[in-house]
Amino acid sequence: MTPQRVGLHHPRLRPFLAAARNTAPPDEDHVVVEGIWALEKLLAARTPVETFLCCPELVRTPQARRCADALRERAEAAYEIGPKVLSRLSGRARPDGLLALAGLPRRAAGELEFGDRALVLVADGIEYAGNLGTLIRTADACSADCVVLVRRQVRPNHPRVFVASRGTVLGVPLVELPDPASAIAWLGRCGFTVVVAEPGASRDYRAGDLSGPRTAVVVGSEGRGVSSGWYAAPVRRVSIPMLGSADSLNVSVSAALLLYEVLTCRSRRTDGAGARR
């Protein structure tokens, strides 16, 4: 059966309009996905699809048609729209005729269970959607268990978060906590060693012995860094040497260095233990 063709004022299109205008509520848990690469990522992630919109006039390739067929089967509701409606909803200069509304994998802190080698990235007060998306992409690359959002400044479902994350926001669990005190208490109960990235710290991150069994890496905003509340607990402060005129790296670059250093330290410890045996 051909899906019903709807106009801009249909109730199911309101979340798409809100995303296009960046007016979605702060606690919104849905993201608009468009672009063949992104929609294929959505399908591969087995993420629930709430609404799928298709503009048949712009679906021109076999790949796009296969993607559309799969999304119609997956979606809770599917509709057709015209090119003019699509132009109001799409954030792309050359849309390919497909849009989907999907739920983000948000989790409550108490729902997560961690293994002995758990790795968590904590994003404290991150101000820019592009940075948050890149942090999520980095966490995915390092197989981190989750990203913890503390003092959140950016909506996780912001379109730029999705693009910068290359769609990995669909698979990385996000946990939101209101302040450092709450995050410290939770991480402590879960047995994490907390590593704080601080430009002025005297300990080089490569000499910080980041091989602990459960490690949480904390990075802060570009302008203010991590908030002072983190220092109310025994945290491990480390810095990344800066050899030029800048006093720090982009937050996502800093996070990547620290997360990969954790993995490298763990690998060295495992290899050393094997050699001793």
C-alpha atoms as a PDB file:
ATOM      1  CA  MET A   1       0.000   0.000   0.000  1.00  0.00           C
ATOM      2  CA  THR A   2       1.271   3.470  -0.905  1.00  0.00           C
ATOM      3  CA  PRO A   3       1.782   5.624   2.214  1.00  0.00           C
ATOM      4  CA  GLN A   4      -0.547   8.579   2.736  1.00  0.00           C
ATOM      5  CA  ARG A   5       0.703  11.896   1.314  1.00  0.00           C
ATOM      6  CA  VAL A   6       0.679  14.604   3.964  1.00  0.00           C
ATOM      7  CA  GLY A   7       1.317  18.334   4.182  1.00  0.00           C
ATOM      8  CA  LEU A   8       3.405  20.519   6.435  1.00  0.00           C
ATOM      9  CA  HIS A   9       0.722  20.819   9.117  1.00  0.00           C
ATOM     10  CA  HIS A  10       0.322  17.103   9.755  1.00  0.00           C
ATOM     11  CA  PRO A  11       1.002  16.334  13.465  1.00  0.00           C
ATOM     12  CA  ARG A  12       3.675  13.766  12.636  1.00  0.00           C
ATOM     13  CA  LEU A  13       5.744  16.481  10.909  1.00  0.00           C
ATOM     14  CA  ARG A  14       5.985  18.755  13.962  1.00  0.00           C
ATOM     15  CA  PRO A  15       9.181  17.144  15.330  1.00  0.00           C
ATOM     16  CA  PHE A  16      10.821  17.521  11.906  1.00  0.00           C
ATOM     17  CA  LEU A  17       9.885  21.208  11.823  1.00  0.00           C
ATOM     18  CA  ALA A  18      11.203  21.709  15.355  1.00  0.00           C
ATOM     19  CA  ALA A  19      14.506  20.121  14.360  1.00  0.00           C
ATOM     20  CA  ALA A  20      14.756  22.243  11.213  1.00  0.00           C
ATOM     21  CA  ARG A  21      14.118  25.413  13.257  1.00  0.00           C
ATOM     22  CA  ASN A  22      16.231  24.239  16.217  1.00  0.00           C
ATOM     23  CA  THR A  23      13.258  24.698  18.561  1.00  0.00           C
ATOM     24  CA  ALA A  24      12.943  21.157  19.949  1.00  0.00           C
ATOM     25  CA  PRO A  25      12.427  20.943  23.749  1.00  0.00           C
ATOM     26  CA  PRO A  26      15.635  20.598  25.813  1.00  0.00           C
ATOM     27  CA  ASP A  27      14.680  17.104  26.980  1.00  0.00           C
ATOM     28  CA  GLU A  28      13.724  15.837  23.513  1.00  0.00           C
ATOM     29  CA  ASP A  29      15.071  12.319  22.892  1.00  0.00           C
ATOM     30  CA  HIS A  30      14.541  12.123  19.135  1.00  0.00           C
ATOM     31  CA  VAL A  31      16.818  13.022  16.269  1.00  0.00           C
ATOM     32  CA  VAL A  32      16.067  13.717  12.608  1.00  0.00           C
ATOM     33  CA  VAL A  33      18.191  11.571  10.299  1.00  0.00           C
ATOM     34  CA  GLU A  34      18.716  12.356   6.627  1.00  0.00           C
ATOM     35  CA  GLY A  35      21.209  11.447   3.951  1.00  0.00           C
ATOM     36  CA  ILE A  36      21.701   7.920   2.643  1.00  0.00           C
ATOM     37  CA  TRP A  37      24.867   7.301   4.686  1.00  0.00           C
ATOM     38  CA  ALA A  38      23.078   8.417   7.864  1.00  0.00           C
ATOM     39  CA  LEU A  39      19.928   6.424   7.190  1.00  0.00           C
ATOM     40  CA  GLU A  40      21.948   3.291   6.476  1.00  0.00           C
ATOM     41  CA  LYS A  41      23.710   3.899   9.797  1.00  0.00           C
ATOM     42  CA  LEU A  42      20.288   4.151  11.419  1.00  0.00           C
ATOM     43  CA  LEU A  43      19.187   0.864   9.892  1.00  0.00           C
ATOM     44  CA  ALA A  44      22.404  -0.891  10.920  1.00  0.00           C
ATOM     45  CA  ALA A  45      22.062   0.353  14.503  1.00  0.00           C
ATOM     46  CA  ARG A  46      18.635  -1.278  14.845  1.00  0.00           C
ATOM     47  CA  THR A  47      17.448   1.969  16.397  1.00  0.00           C
ATOM     48  CA  PRO A  48      13.641   2.342  16.631  1.00  0.00           C
ATOM     49  CA  VAL A  49      12.263   4.609  13.903  1.00  0.00           C
ATOM     50  CA  GLU A  50       9.215   6.611  14.900  1.00  0.00           C
ATOM     51  CA  THR A  51       8.350   8.333  11.598  1.00  0.00           C
ATOM     52  CA  PHE A  52       9.668   7.967   8.057  1.00  0.00           C
ATOM     53  CA  LEU A  53       9.044  10.556   5.335  1.00  0.00           C
ATOM     54  CA  CYS A  54       9.671   9.956   1.650  1.00  0.00           C
ATOM     55  CA  CYS A  55       9.513  12.382  -1.258  1.00  0.00           C
ATOM     56  CA  PRO A  56       9.226  10.000  -4.276  1.00  0.00           C
ATOM     57  CA  GLU A  57      10.131  12.714  -6.784  1.00  0.00           C
ATOM     58  CA  LEU A  58      13.648  12.915  -5.314  1.00  0.00           C
ATOM     59  CA  VAL A  59      14.336   9.216  -4.733  1.00  0.00           C
ATOM     60  CA  ARG A  60      16.343   8.508  -7.859  1.00  0.00           C
ATOM     61  CA  THR A  61      18.920   5.798  -7.141  1.00  0.00           C
ATOM     62  CA  PRO A  62      18.569   2.058  -6.436  1.00  0.00           C
ATOM     63  CA  GLN A  63      20.419   2.591  -3.133  1.00  0.00           C
ATOM     64  CA  ALA A  64      17.903   5.241  -2.071  1.00  0.00           C
ATOM     65  CA  ARG A  65      14.965   3.047  -3.059  1.00  0.00           C
ATOM     66  CA  ARG A  66      16.336   0.098  -1.060  1.00  0.00           C
ATOM     67  CA  CYS A  67      16.848   2.364   1.916  1.00  0.00           C
ATOM     68  CA  ALA A  68      13.290   3.696   1.593  1.00  0.00           C
ATOM     69  CA  ASP A  69      11.829   0.190   1.480  1.00  0.00           C
ATOM     70  CA  ALA A  70      13.733  -0.840   4.610  1.00  0.00           C
ATOM     71  CA  LEU A  71      12.669   2.282   6.496  1.00  0.00           C
ATOM     72  CA  ARG A  72       9.000   1.803   5.608  1.00  0.00           C
ATOM     73  CA  GLU A  73       9.171  -1.641   7.169  1.00  0.00           C
ATOM     74  CA  ARG A  74      11.011  -0.413  10.268  1.00  0.00           C
ATOM     75  CA  ALA A  75       9.074   2.780  10.982  1.00  0.00           C
ATOM     76  CA  GLU A  76       6.111   3.043  13.299  1.00  0.00           C
ATOM     77  CA  ALA A  77       4.523   5.393  10.727  1.00  0.00           C
ATOM     78  CA  ALA A  78       5.462   6.235   7.125  1.00  0.00           C
ATOM     79  CA  TYR A  79       4.212   9.061   4.894  1.00  0.00           C
ATOM     80  CA  GLU A  80       4.899  10.642   1.529  1.00  0.00           C
ATOM     81  CA  ILE A  81       5.622  14.359   1.211  1.00  0.00           C
ATOM     82  CA  GLY A  82       6.141  16.696  -1.738  1.00  0.00           C
ATOM     83  CA  PRO A  83       9.337  18.550  -2.715  1.00  0.00           C
ATOM     84  CA  LYS A  84       8.139  21.860  -1.229  1.00  0.00           C
ATOM     85  CA  VAL A  85       7.424  20.247   2.125  1.00  0.00           C
ATOM     86  CA  LEU A  86      10.786  18.496   2.051  1.00  0.00           C
ATOM     87  CA  SER A  87      12.574  21.794   1.396  1.00  0.00           C
ATOM     88  CA  ARG A  88      11.077  23.160   4.628  1.00  0.00           C
ATOM     89  CA  LEU A  89      12.186  20.153   6.655  1.00  0.00           C
ATOM     90  CA  SER A  90      15.580  19.285   5.224  1.00  0.00           C
ATOM     91  CA  GLY A  91      18.853  20.790   6.364  1.00  0.00           C
ATOM     92  CA  ARG A  92      20.650  19.752   3.175  1.00  0.00           C
ATOM     93  CA  ALA A  93      21.221  21.804   0.033  1.00  0.00           C
ATOM     94  CA  ARG A  94      20.473  18.758  -2.145  1.00  0.00           C
ATOM     95  CA  PRO A  95      18.175  16.424  -0.209  1.00  0.00           C
ATOM     96  CA  ASP A  96      17.747  12.876  -1.482  1.00  0.00           C
ATOM     97  CA  GLY A  97      14.089  12.615  -0.537  1.00  0.00           C
ATOM     98  CA  LEU A  98      14.309  10.592   2.702  1.00  0.00           C
ATOM     99  CA  LEU A  99      13.893  11.716   6.329  1.00  0.00           C
ATOM    100  CA  ALA A 100      13.481   9.681   9.511  1.00  0.00           C
ATOM    101  CA  LEU A 101      12.769  10.461  13.145  1.00  0.00           C
ATOM    102  CA  ALA A 102      14.553   8.123  15.568  1.00  0.00           C
ATOM    103  CA  GLY A 103      15.057   7.799  19.297  1.00  0.00           C
ATOM    104  CA  LEU A 104      18.451   8.372  20.919  1.00  0.00           C
ATOM    105  CA  PRO A 105      19.855   5.694  23.274  1.00  0.00           C
ATOM    106  CA  ARG A 106      19.584   7.776  26.462  1.00  0.00           C
ATOM    107  CA  ARG A 107      20.100   5.807  29.673  1.00  0.00           C
ATOM    108  CA  ALA A 108      19.642   6.446  33.371  1.00  0.00           C
ATOM    109  CA  ALA A 109      22.876   6.123  35.348  1.00  0.00           C
ATOM    110  CA  GLY A 110      21.486   3.311  37.475  1.00  0.00           C
ATOM    111  CA  GLU A 111      20.637   1.200  34.415  1.00  0.00           C
ATOM    112  CA  LEU A 112      24.221   0.693  33.280  1.00  0.00           C
ATOM    113  CA  GLU A 113      26.413  -2.236  34.285  1.00  0.00           C
ATOM    114  CA  PHE A 114      30.176  -2.114  33.766  1.00  0.00           C
ATOM    115  CA  GLY A 115      32.845  -4.720  33.234  1.00  0.00           C
ATOM    116  CA  ASP A 116      36.285  -4.734  34.814  1.00  0.00           C
ATOM    117  CA  ARG A 117      37.807  -2.730  31.946  1.00  0.00           C
ATOM    118  CA  ALA A 118      35.083  -0.126  31.611  1.00  0.00           C
ATOM    119  CA  LEU A 119      35.887   3.188  29.958  1.00  0.00           C
ATOM    120  CA  VAL A 120      33.712   6.291  30.244  1.00  0.00           C
ATOM    121  CA  LEU A 121      34.027   9.747  28.701  1.00  0.00           C
ATOM    122  CA  VAL A 122      32.612  12.625  30.759  1.00  0.00           C
ATOM    123  CA  ALA A 123      31.751  15.813  28.844  1.00  0.00           C
ATOM    124  CA  ASP A 124      31.472  18.688  31.324  1.00  0.00           C
ATOM    125  CA  GLY A 125      29.733  21.848  30.120  1.00  0.00           C
ATOM    126  CA  ILE A 126      30.478  21.334  26.422  1.00  0.00           C
ATOM    127  CA  GLU A 127      29.189  24.419  24.614  1.00  0.00           C
ATOM    128  CA  TYR A 128      29.239  23.544  20.909  1.00  0.00           C
ATOM    129  CA  ALA A 129      27.187  20.909  19.114  1.00  0.00           C
ATOM    130  CA  GLY A 130      30.052  20.035  16.775  1.00  0.00           C
ATOM    131  CA  ASN A 131      32.371  19.361  19.704  1.00  0.00           C
ATOM    132  CA  LEU A 132      29.807  17.187  21.465  1.00  0.00           C
ATOM    133  CA  GLY A 133      29.224  15.170  18.307  1.00  0.00           C
ATOM    134  CA  THR A 134      32.947  14.657  17.795  1.00  0.00           C
ATOM    135  CA  LEU A 135      33.353  13.575  21.423  1.00  0.00           C
ATOM    136  CA  ILE A 136      30.644  10.952  20.931  1.00  0.00           C
ATOM    137  CA  ARG A 137      32.350   9.766  17.744  1.00  0.00           C
ATOM    138  CA  THR A 138      35.646   9.513  19.629  1.00  0.00           C
ATOM    139  CA  ALA A 139      34.015   7.563  22.455  1.00  0.00           C
ATOM    140  CA  ASP A 140      32.589   5.151  19.888  1.00  0.00           C
ATOM    141  CA  ALA A 141      36.005   4.733  18.254  1.00  0.00           C
ATOM    142  CA  CYS A 142      37.516   3.796  21.631  1.00  0.00           C
ATOM    143  CA  SER A 143      34.628   1.445  22.480  1.00  0.00           C
ATOM    144  CA  ALA A 144      33.747   3.524  25.542  1.00  0.00           C
ATOM    145  CA  ASP A 145      30.838   2.226  27.590  1.00  0.00           C
ATOM    146  CA  CYS A 146      29.004   5.558  27.595  1.00  0.00           C
ATOM    147  CA  VAL A 147      29.314   9.338  27.411  1.00  0.00           C
ATOM    148  CA  VAL A 148      28.271  11.178  30.560  1.00  0.00           C
ATOM    149  CA  LEU A 149      26.884  14.679  29.996  1.00  0.00           C
ATOM    150  CA  VAL A 150      27.456  16.948  33.004  1.00  0.00           C
ATOM    151  CA  ARG A 151      26.088  20.517  33.064  1.00  0.00           C
ATOM    152  CA  ARG A 152      24.754  19.911  29.549  1.00  0.00           C
ATOM    153  CA  GLN A 153      24.732  22.988  27.308  1.00  0.00           C
ATOM    154  CA  VAL A 154      23.845  21.345  23.974  1.00  0.00           C
ATOM    155  CA  ARG A 155      20.896  19.160  22.991  1.00  0.00           C
ATOM    156  CA  PRO A 156      22.156  15.673  22.039  1.00  0.00           C
ATOM    157  CA  ASN A 157      19.579  15.615  19.239  1.00  0.00           C
ATOM    158  CA  HIS A 158      20.916  18.813  17.671  1.00  0.00           C
ATOM    159  CA  PRO A 159      21.462  18.178  13.929  1.00  0.00           C
ATOM    160  CA  ARG A 160      25.132  19.177  14.188  1.00  0.00           C
ATOM    161  CA  VAL A 161      25.692  16.636  16.951  1.00  0.00           C
ATOM    162  CA  PHE A 162      24.435  13.898  14.640  1.00  0.00           C
ATOM    163  CA  VAL A 163      26.559  15.017  11.696  1.00  0.00           C
ATOM    164  CA  ALA A 164      29.736  15.505  13.771  1.00  0.00           C
ATOM    165  CA  SER A 165      29.252  12.118  15.415  1.00  0.00           C
ATOM    166  CA  ARG A 166      28.884  10.474  11.982  1.00  0.00           C
ATOM    167  CA  GLY A 167      25.749   8.833  13.310  1.00  0.00           C
ATOM    168  CA  THR A 168      27.470   7.153  16.261  1.00  0.00           C
ATOM    169  CA  VAL A 169      25.142   9.082  18.587  1.00  0.00           C
ATOM    170  CA  LEU A 170      22.619   6.371  17.659  1.00  0.00           C
ATOM    171  CA  GLY A 171      24.742   3.688  19.310  1.00  0.00           C
ATOM    172  CA  VAL A 172      26.653   5.290  22.179  1.00  0.00           C
ATOM    173  CA  PRO A 173      24.639   5.364  25.425  1.00  0.00           C
ATOM    174  CA  LEU A 174      24.270   8.892  26.828  1.00  0.00           C
ATOM    175  CA  VAL A 175      23.897   9.469  30.558  1.00  0.00           C
ATOM    176  CA  GLU A 176      23.009  12.900  31.901  1.00  0.00           C
ATOM    177  CA  LEU A 177      23.929  14.101  35.393  1.00  0.00           C
ATOM    178  CA  PRO A 178      23.319  17.641  36.673  1.00  0.00           C
ATOM    179  CA  ASP A 179      26.675  18.532  38.232  1.00  0.00           C
ATOM    180  CA  PRO A 180      30.167  17.226  39.089  1.00  0.00           C
ATOM    181  CA  ALA A 181      29.104  16.210  42.602  1.00  0.00           C
ATOM    182  CA  SER A 182      26.470  13.851  41.209  1.00  0.00           C
ATOM    183  CA  ALA A 183      28.900  12.468  38.628  1.00  0.00           C
ATOM    184  CA  ILE A 184      31.678  11.959  41.204  1.00  0.00           C
ATOM    185  CA  ALA A 185      29.312  10.121  43.545  1.00  0.00           C
ATOM    186  CA  TRP A 186      28.058   7.828  40.773  1.00  0.00           C
ATOM    187  CA  LEU A 187      31.519   7.125  39.348  1.00  0.00           C
ATOM    188  CA  GLY A 188      32.786   6.406  42.869  1.00  0.00           C
ATOM    189  CA  ARG A 189      30.016   3.910  43.539  1.00  0.00           C
ATOM    190  CA  CYS A 190      30.879   2.204  40.269  1.00  0.00           C
ATOM    191  CA  GLY A 191      34.591   1.965  41.145  1.00  0.00           C
ATOM    192  CA  PHE A 192      36.014   4.367  38.542  1.00  0.00           C
ATOM    193  CA  THR A 193      39.339   6.157  38.674  1.00  0.00           C
ATOM    194  CA  VAL A 194      38.605   9.711  37.522  1.00  0.00           C
ATOM    195  CA  VAL A 195      41.136  11.385  35.208  1.00  0.00           C
ATOM    196  CA  VAL A 196      40.634  15.118  34.655  1.00  0.00           C
ATOM    197  CA  ALA A 197      42.156  16.898  31.666  1.00  0.00           C
ATOM    198  CA  GLU A 198      43.589  20.186  32.950  1.00  0.00           C
ATOM    199  CA  PRO A 199      45.984  22.383  30.909  1.00  0.00           C
ATOM    200  CA  GLY A 200      47.837  23.523  34.052  1.00  0.00           C
ATOM    201  CA  ALA A 201      48.319  20.081  35.592  1.00  0.00           C
ATOM    202  CA  SER A 202      51.944  19.171  36.364  1.00  0.00           C
ATOM    203  CA  ARG A 203      51.571  15.494  35.402  1.00  0.00           C
ATOM    204  CA  ASP A 204      52.004  14.663  31.714  1.00  0.00           C
ATOM    205  CA  TYR A 205      49.174  12.391  30.567  1.00  0.00           C
ATOM    206  CA  ARG A 206      51.740   9.886  29.252  1.00  0.00           C
ATOM    207  CA  ALA A 207      53.191   9.525  32.747  1.00  0.00           C
ATOM    208  CA  GLY A 208      49.840   9.344  34.475  1.00  0.00           C
ATOM    209  CA  ASP A 209      49.537   5.533  34.532  1.00  0.00           C
ATOM    210  CA  LEU A 210      46.042   5.425  33.056  1.00  0.00           C
ATOM    211  CA  SER A 211      45.842   1.641  33.136  1.00  0.00           C
ATOM    212  CA  GLY A 212      43.275   1.330  35.923  1.00  0.00           C
ATOM    213  CA  PRO A 213      40.550  -1.291  35.496  1.00  0.00           C
ATOM    214  CA  ARG A 214      37.715   1.252  35.323  1.00  0.00           C
ATOM    215  CA  THR A 215      38.594   4.726  34.077  1.00  0.00           C
ATOM    216  CA  ALA A 216      36.530   7.873  33.509  1.00  0.00           C
ATOM    217  CA  VAL A 217      38.135  10.644  31.445  1.00  0.00           C
ATOM    218  CA  VAL A 218      36.735  14.123  32.110  1.00  0.00           C
ATOM    219  CA  VAL A 219      37.046  16.944  29.568  1.00  0.00           C
ATOM    220  CA  GLY A 220      35.590  20.426  29.805  1.00  0.00           C
ATOM    221  CA  SER A 221      34.430  23.297  27.658  1.00  0.00           C
ATOM    222  CA  GLU A 222      36.719  25.163  25.275  1.00  0.00           C
ATOM    223  CA  GLY A 223      36.457  28.408  27.223  1.00  0.00           C
ATOM    224  CA  ARG A 224      36.331  27.397  30.882  1.00  0.00           C
ATOM    225  CA  GLY A 225      37.664  23.873  31.052  1.00  0.00           C
ATOM    226  CA  VAL A 226      36.255  21.507  33.657  1.00  0.00           C
ATOM    227  CA  SER A 227      34.301  23.021  36.524  1.00  0.00           C
ATOM    228  CA  SER A 228      35.911  23.383  39.967  1.00  0.00           C
ATOM    229  CA  GLY A 229      33.482  20.862  41.475  1.00  0.00           C
ATOM    230  CA  TRP A 230      35.625  18.019  40.157  1.00  0.00           C
ATOM    231  CA  TYR A 231      38.388  18.899  42.587  1.00  0.00           C
ATOM    232  CA  ALA A 232      36.235  18.216  45.637  1.00  0.00           C
ATOM    233  CA  ALA A 233      37.212  14.542  45.201  1.00  0.00           C
ATOM    234  CA  PRO A 234      40.554  12.756  44.728  1.00  0.00           C
ATOM    235  CA  VAL A 235      40.889  12.908  40.948  1.00  0.00           C
ATOM    236  CA  ARG A 236      43.953  12.358  38.810  1.00  0.00           C
ATOM    237  CA  ARG A 237      44.882  15.581  37.013  1.00  0.00           C
ATOM    238  CA  VAL A 238      46.822  15.281  33.772  1.00  0.00           C
ATOM    239  CA  SER A 239      47.853  17.689  31.040  1.00  0.00           C
ATOM    240  CA  ILE A 240      48.817  17.432  27.384  1.00  0.00           C
ATOM    241  CA  PRO A 241      52.121  19.211  26.599  1.00  0.00           C
ATOM    242  CA  MET A 242      51.651  22.295  24.438  1.00  0.00           C
ATOM    243  CA  LEU A 243      54.774  23.193  22.465  1.00  0.00           C
ATOM    244  CA  GLY A 244      53.406  26.148  20.501  1.00  0.00           C
ATOM    245  CA  SER A 245      51.588  29.360  21.374  1.00  0.00           C
ATOM    246  CA  ALA A 246      48.158  27.785  22.066  1.00  0.00           C
ATOM    247  CA  ASP A 247      47.417  26.832  25.664  1.00  0.00           C
ATOM    248  CA  SER A 248      45.237  23.824  24.849  1.00  0.00           C
ATOM    249  CA  LEU A 249      43.935  21.536  22.109  1.00  0.00           C
ATOM    250  CA  ASN A 250      40.393  21.282  20.841  1.00  0.00           C
ATOM    251  CA  VAL A 251      38.415  19.318  23.426  1.00  0.00           C
ATOM    252  CA  SER A 252      37.717  16.413  21.084  1.00  0.00           C
ATOM    253  CA  VAL A 253      41.411  16.073  20.232  1.00  0.00           C
ATOM    254  CA  SER A 254      42.278  16.109  23.933  1.00  0.00           C
ATOM    255  CA  ALA A 255      39.673  13.446  24.640  1.00  0.00           C
ATOM    256  CA  ALA A 256      41.013  11.250  21.839  1.00  0.00           C
ATOM    257  CA  LEU A 257      44.575  11.420  23.170  1.00  0.00           C
ATOM    258  CA  LEU A 258      43.509  10.564  26.706  1.00  0.00           C
ATOM    259  CA  LEU A 259      41.120   7.761  25.780  1.00  0.00           C
ATOM    260  CA  TYR A 260      43.655   6.110  23.502  1.00  0.00           C
ATOM    261  CA  GLU A 261      46.312   6.496  26.196  1.00  0.00           C
ATOM    262  CA  VAL A 262      44.052   4.547  28.560  1.00  0.00           C
ATOM    263  CA  LEU A 263      43.771   1.772  25.975  1.00  0.00           C
ATOM    264  CA  THR A 264      47.527   1.835  25.325  1.00  0.00           C
ATOM    265  CA  CYS A 265      48.369   1.636  29.046  1.00  0.00           C
ATOM    266  CA  ARG A 266      46.005  -1.292  29.484  1.00  0.00           C
ATOM    267  CA  SER A 267      47.540  -3.075  26.520  1.00  0.00           C
ATOM    268  CA  ARG A 268      51.065  -2.565  27.895  1.00  0.00           C
ATOM    269  CA  ARG A 269      50.058  -3.887  31.284  1.00  0.00           C
ATOM    270  CA  THR A 270      48.411  -6.940  29.740  1.00  0.00           C
ATOM    271  CA  ASP A 271      51.429  -7.608  27.491  1.00  0.00           C
ATOM    272  CA  GLY A 272      53.805  -7.174  30.439  1.00  0.00           C
ATOM    273  CA  ALA A 273      51.846  -9.588  32.572  1.00  0.00           C
ATOM    274  CA  GLY A 274      51.935 -12.143  29.774  1.00  0.00           C
ATOM    275  CA  ALA A 275      55.716 -11.724  29.358  1.00  0.00           C
ATOM    276  CA  ARG A 276      56.312 -12.239  33.097  1.00  0.00           C
ATOM    277  CA  ARG A 277      54.362 -15.486  33.018  1.00  0.00           C
END
